[in-house]
Amino acid sequence: MSKHNSLKSSATVGGKRSVLKRFERVKLLKERGEWKAGRSPVGLPKTKGEG
């Protein structure tokens, strides 16, 4: 029996993620100068990636 096309991992290996992880969002906000010291990393605003 063969694998269904949606279960094959070869299609998703090189794909670009559209969602950033929390630490990536904090890093991006720091680079933009929008991060305030002492701020909680919970409930961050939505951020667009680099591209």
N, C-alpha and C. Protein backbone atom coordinates (compact mmCIF):
# COMPACT_ATOMS: atom_id res chain seq x y z
N MET A 1 0.84 -1.17 0.00
CA MET A 1 0.00 0.00 0.00
C MET A 1 0.89 1.24 0.00
N SER A 2 0.52 2.26 -0.73
CA SER A 2 1.32 3.47 -0.82
C SER A 2 0.78 4.55 0.11
N LYS A 3 1.64 5.53 0.40
CA LYS A 3 1.23 6.66 1.25
C LYS A 3 0.37 7.64 0.47
N HIS A 4 -0.55 8.25 1.16
CA HIS A 4 -1.35 9.30 0.55
C HIS A 4 -0.47 10.52 0.32
N ASN A 5 -0.74 11.29 -0.74
CA ASN A 5 0.10 12.44 -1.09
C ASN A 5 0.23 13.46 0.04
N SER A 6 -0.81 13.64 0.83
CA SER A 6 -0.76 14.64 1.91
C SER A 6 0.15 14.21 3.05
N LEU A 7 0.51 12.94 3.13
CA LEU A 7 1.36 12.45 4.22
C LEU A 7 2.83 12.41 3.86
N LYS A 8 3.16 12.64 2.62
CA LYS A 8 4.56 12.61 2.20
C LYS A 8 5.26 13.87 2.67
N SER A 9 6.43 13.72 3.26
CA SER A 9 7.13 14.85 3.84
C SER A 9 7.98 15.62 2.82
N SER A 10 8.22 15.07 1.66
CA SER A 10 9.09 15.72 0.69
C SER A 10 8.53 17.06 0.21
N ALA A 11 7.23 17.23 0.22
CA ALA A 11 6.61 18.47 -0.25
C ALA A 11 6.77 19.60 0.77
N THR A 12 6.88 19.27 2.04
CA THR A 12 6.92 20.31 3.07
C THR A 12 8.32 20.64 3.55
N VAL A 13 9.33 19.93 3.09
CA VAL A 13 10.68 20.14 3.59
C VAL A 13 11.19 21.54 3.23
N GLY A 14 11.01 21.97 2.00
CA GLY A 14 11.53 23.25 1.56
C GLY A 14 10.52 24.38 1.62
N GLY A 15 9.34 24.12 2.17
CA GLY A 15 8.30 25.13 2.20
C GLY A 15 8.61 26.28 3.15
N LYS A 16 8.08 27.45 2.85
CA LYS A 16 8.30 28.62 3.69
C LYS A 16 7.17 28.72 4.73
N ARG A 17 7.57 28.92 5.97
CA ARG A 17 6.57 29.04 7.03
C ARG A 17 5.98 30.45 7.02
N SER A 18 4.70 30.56 7.25
CA SER A 18 4.05 31.87 7.30
C SER A 18 3.79 32.30 8.74
N VAL A 19 4.09 31.42 9.69
CA VAL A 19 3.85 31.71 11.11
C VAL A 19 5.18 31.73 11.84
N LEU A 20 5.41 32.76 12.64
CA LEU A 20 6.64 32.86 13.42
C LEU A 20 6.43 32.31 14.81
N LYS A 21 7.47 31.71 15.36
CA LYS A 21 7.42 31.26 16.75
C LYS A 21 7.61 32.47 17.66
N ARG A 22 7.27 32.30 18.92
CA ARG A 22 7.30 33.43 19.86
C ARG A 22 8.67 34.08 19.93
N PHE A 23 9.74 33.27 20.04
CA PHE A 23 11.09 33.84 20.15
C PHE A 23 11.48 34.58 18.87
N GLU A 24 10.97 34.11 17.72
CA GLU A 24 11.25 34.80 16.47
C GLU A 24 10.54 36.14 16.41
N ARG A 25 9.32 36.21 16.95
CA ARG A 25 8.57 37.47 16.98
C ARG A 25 9.24 38.47 17.90
N VAL A 26 9.73 38.01 19.06
CA VAL A 26 10.43 38.90 20.00
C VAL A 26 11.69 39.44 19.34
N LYS A 27 12.44 38.58 18.67
CA LYS A 27 13.66 39.00 17.99
C LYS A 27 13.36 40.04 16.92
N LEU A 28 12.30 39.82 16.16
CA LEU A 28 11.92 40.75 15.10
C LEU A 28 11.50 42.10 15.68
N LEU A 29 10.76 42.08 16.78
CA LEU A 29 10.34 43.33 17.43
C LEU A 29 11.54 44.09 17.99
N LYS A 30 12.53 43.35 18.52
CA LYS A 30 13.75 43.99 19.02
C LYS A 30 14.51 44.67 17.89
N GLU A 31 14.61 43.99 16.75
CA GLU A 31 15.31 44.56 15.60
C GLU A 31 14.63 45.82 15.09
N ARG A 32 13.31 45.84 15.16
CA ARG A 32 12.55 47.01 14.70
C ARG A 32 12.49 48.13 15.74
N GLY A 33 12.92 47.84 16.97
CA GLY A 33 12.88 48.83 18.03
C GLY A 33 11.51 48.98 18.66
N GLU A 34 10.65 48.00 18.50
CA GLU A 34 9.29 48.05 19.04
C GLU A 34 9.16 47.26 20.35
N TRP A 35 10.25 46.69 20.83
CA TRP A 35 10.22 45.88 22.05
C TRP A 35 10.60 46.74 23.23
N LYS A 36 9.82 46.67 24.31
CA LYS A 36 10.12 47.41 25.53
C LYS A 36 10.64 46.44 26.58
N ALA A 37 11.70 46.83 27.28
CA ALA A 37 12.29 45.96 28.30
C ALA A 37 11.27 45.68 29.40
N GLY A 38 11.24 44.45 29.86
CA GLY A 38 10.33 44.05 30.92
C GLY A 38 8.95 43.65 30.43
N ARG A 39 8.74 43.69 29.14
CA ARG A 39 7.44 43.35 28.57
C ARG A 39 7.26 41.83 28.58
N SER A 40 6.04 41.39 28.76
CA SER A 40 5.74 39.97 28.76
C SER A 40 5.72 39.45 27.33
N PRO A 41 6.31 38.28 27.09
CA PRO A 41 6.29 37.70 25.74
C PRO A 41 4.95 37.06 25.38
N VAL A 42 4.00 37.09 26.30
CA VAL A 42 2.69 36.52 26.05
C VAL A 42 1.77 37.60 25.49
N GLY A 43 1.00 37.29 24.48
CA GLY A 43 0.07 38.24 23.89
C GLY A 43 0.75 39.26 23.00
N LEU A 44 1.74 38.83 22.23
CA LEU A 44 2.46 39.73 21.36
C LEU A 44 1.58 40.16 20.18
N PRO A 45 1.85 41.34 19.63
CA PRO A 45 1.10 41.75 18.44
C PRO A 45 1.51 40.91 17.24
N LYS A 46 0.64 40.85 16.25
CA LYS A 46 0.96 40.12 15.03
C LYS A 46 2.08 40.85 14.31
N THR A 47 2.98 40.08 13.72
CA THR A 47 4.11 40.67 13.00
C THR A 47 4.26 40.01 11.65
N LYS A 48 4.60 40.78 10.66
CA LYS A 48 4.88 40.26 9.33
C LYS A 48 6.34 39.86 9.28
N GLY A 49 6.63 38.80 8.58
CA GLY A 49 8.00 38.32 8.44
C GLY A 49 8.80 39.24 7.54
N GLU A 50 9.96 38.76 7.14
CA GLU A 50 10.86 39.55 6.32
C GLU A 50 10.44 39.66 4.87
N GLY A 51 9.57 38.80 4.44
CA GLY A 51 9.35 38.80 3.04
C GLY A 51 8.02 38.97 2.52
